[in-house]
C-alpha atoms as a PDB file:
ATOM      1  CA  UNK A   1       0.000   0.000   0.000  1.00  0.00           C
ATOM      2  CA  UNK A   2       1.298   3.408  -0.954  1.00  0.00           C
ATOM      3  CA  UNK A   3       0.017   6.846   0.004  1.00  0.00           C
ATOM      4  CA  UNK A   4      -0.640   9.457  -2.653  1.00  0.00           C
ATOM      5  CA  UNK A   5       0.658  12.372  -0.595  1.00  0.00           C
ATOM      6  CA  UNK A   6      -0.132  15.015  -3.227  1.00  0.00           C
ATOM      7  CA  UNK A   7      -3.767  13.883  -3.417  1.00  0.00           C
ATOM      8  CA  UNK A   8      -4.123  13.875   0.372  1.00  0.00           C
ATOM      9  CA  UNK A   9      -2.679  17.397   0.645  1.00  0.00           C
ATOM     10  CA  UNK A  10      -5.123  18.743  -1.963  1.00  0.00           C
ATOM     11  CA  UNK A  11      -8.175  16.825  -0.720  1.00  0.00           C
ATOM     12  CA  UNK A  12      -8.903  17.336   2.951  1.00  0.00           C
ATOM     13  CA  UNK A  13     -12.154  16.115   4.469  1.00  0.00           C
ATOM     14  CA  UNK A  14     -14.183  19.292   5.153  1.00  0.00           C
ATOM     15  CA  UNK A  15     -14.745  20.362   8.751  1.00  0.00           C
ATOM     16  CA  UNK A  16     -18.200  19.342   9.953  1.00  0.00           C
ATOM     17  CA  UNK A  17     -18.511  17.097   6.912  1.00  0.00           C
ATOM     18  CA  UNK A  18     -21.889  15.555   6.277  1.00  0.00           C
ATOM     19  CA  UNK A  19     -22.225  11.866   5.541  1.00  0.00           C
ATOM     20  CA  UNK A  20     -22.668  12.827   1.873  1.00  0.00           C
ATOM     21  CA  UNK A  21     -19.395  14.831   2.000  1.00  0.00           C
ATOM     22  CA  UNK A  22     -17.578  11.898   3.594  1.00  0.00           C
ATOM     23  CA  UNK A  23     -18.862   9.442   0.996  1.00  0.00           C
ATOM     24  CA  UNK A  24     -17.772  11.760  -1.828  1.00  0.00           C
ATOM     25  CA  UNK A  25     -14.301  12.137  -0.258  1.00  0.00           C
ATOM     26  CA  UNK A  26     -13.887   8.383   0.226  1.00  0.00           C
ATOM     27  CA  UNK A  27     -14.968   7.675  -3.360  1.00  0.00           C
ATOM     28  CA  UNK A  28     -12.251  10.053  -4.571  1.00  0.00           C
ATOM     29  CA  UNK A  29      -9.796   8.535  -2.137  1.00  0.00           C
ATOM     30  CA  UNK A  30     -10.470   5.020  -3.389  1.00  0.00           C
ATOM     31  CA  UNK A  31      -9.795   6.147  -6.970  1.00  0.00           C
ATOM     32  CA  UNK A  32      -6.654   8.156  -6.241  1.00  0.00           C
ATOM     33  CA  UNK A  33      -4.814   6.577  -3.338  1.00  0.00           C
ATOM     34  CA  UNK A  34      -3.947   3.089  -2.214  1.00  0.00           C
ATOM     35  CA  UNK A  35      -2.857   3.862   1.348  1.00  0.00           C
ATOM     36  CA  UNK A  36      -5.648   1.628   2.657  1.00  0.00           C
ATOM     37  CA  UNK A  37      -8.601  -0.376   1.435  1.00  0.00           C
ATOM     38  CA  UNK A  38     -11.487   2.020   1.827  1.00  0.00           C
ATOM     39  CA  UNK A  39     -14.086  -0.179   0.095  1.00  0.00           C
ATOM     40  CA  UNK A  40     -15.360  -1.682   3.365  1.00  0.00           C
ATOM     41  CA  UNK A  41     -15.589   1.703   5.070  1.00  0.00           C
ATOM     42  CA  UNK A  42     -17.324   3.231   2.052  1.00  0.00           C
ATOM     43  CA  UNK A  43     -19.805   0.347   1.936  1.00  0.00           C
ATOM     44  CA  UNK A  44     -20.721   0.936   5.596  1.00  0.00           C
ATOM     45  CA  UNK A  45     -21.216   4.665   5.059  1.00  0.00           C
ATOM     46  CA  UNK A  46     -23.446   4.073   2.029  1.00  0.00           C
ATOM     47  CA  UNK A  47     -25.520   1.586   4.029  1.00  0.00           C
ATOM     48  CA  UNK A  48     -25.885   4.160   6.801  1.00  0.00           C
ATOM     49  CA  UNK A  49     -26.951   6.783   4.259  1.00  0.00           C
ATOM     50  CA  UNK A  50     -29.550   4.412   2.826  1.00  0.00           C
ATOM     51  CA  UNK A  51     -30.780   3.609   6.352  1.00  0.00           C
ATOM     52  CA  UNK A  52     -31.177   7.327   7.110  1.00  0.00           C
ATOM     53  CA  UNK A  53     -33.356   7.795   4.020  1.00  0.00           C
ATOM     54  CA  UNK A  54     -35.831   5.193   5.218  1.00  0.00           C
END
């Protein structure tokens, strides 16, 4: 696993980020950085978002 330092420096999670903001950030992270497997975390957040809509 390797961190994409340039991407991380340019793409900070916003302060007081909403769940929608966090999902958007993690989707970008998954596409641009391989510092960790974010698929499981992203899946959980999307499930939580779907649960909140119900």
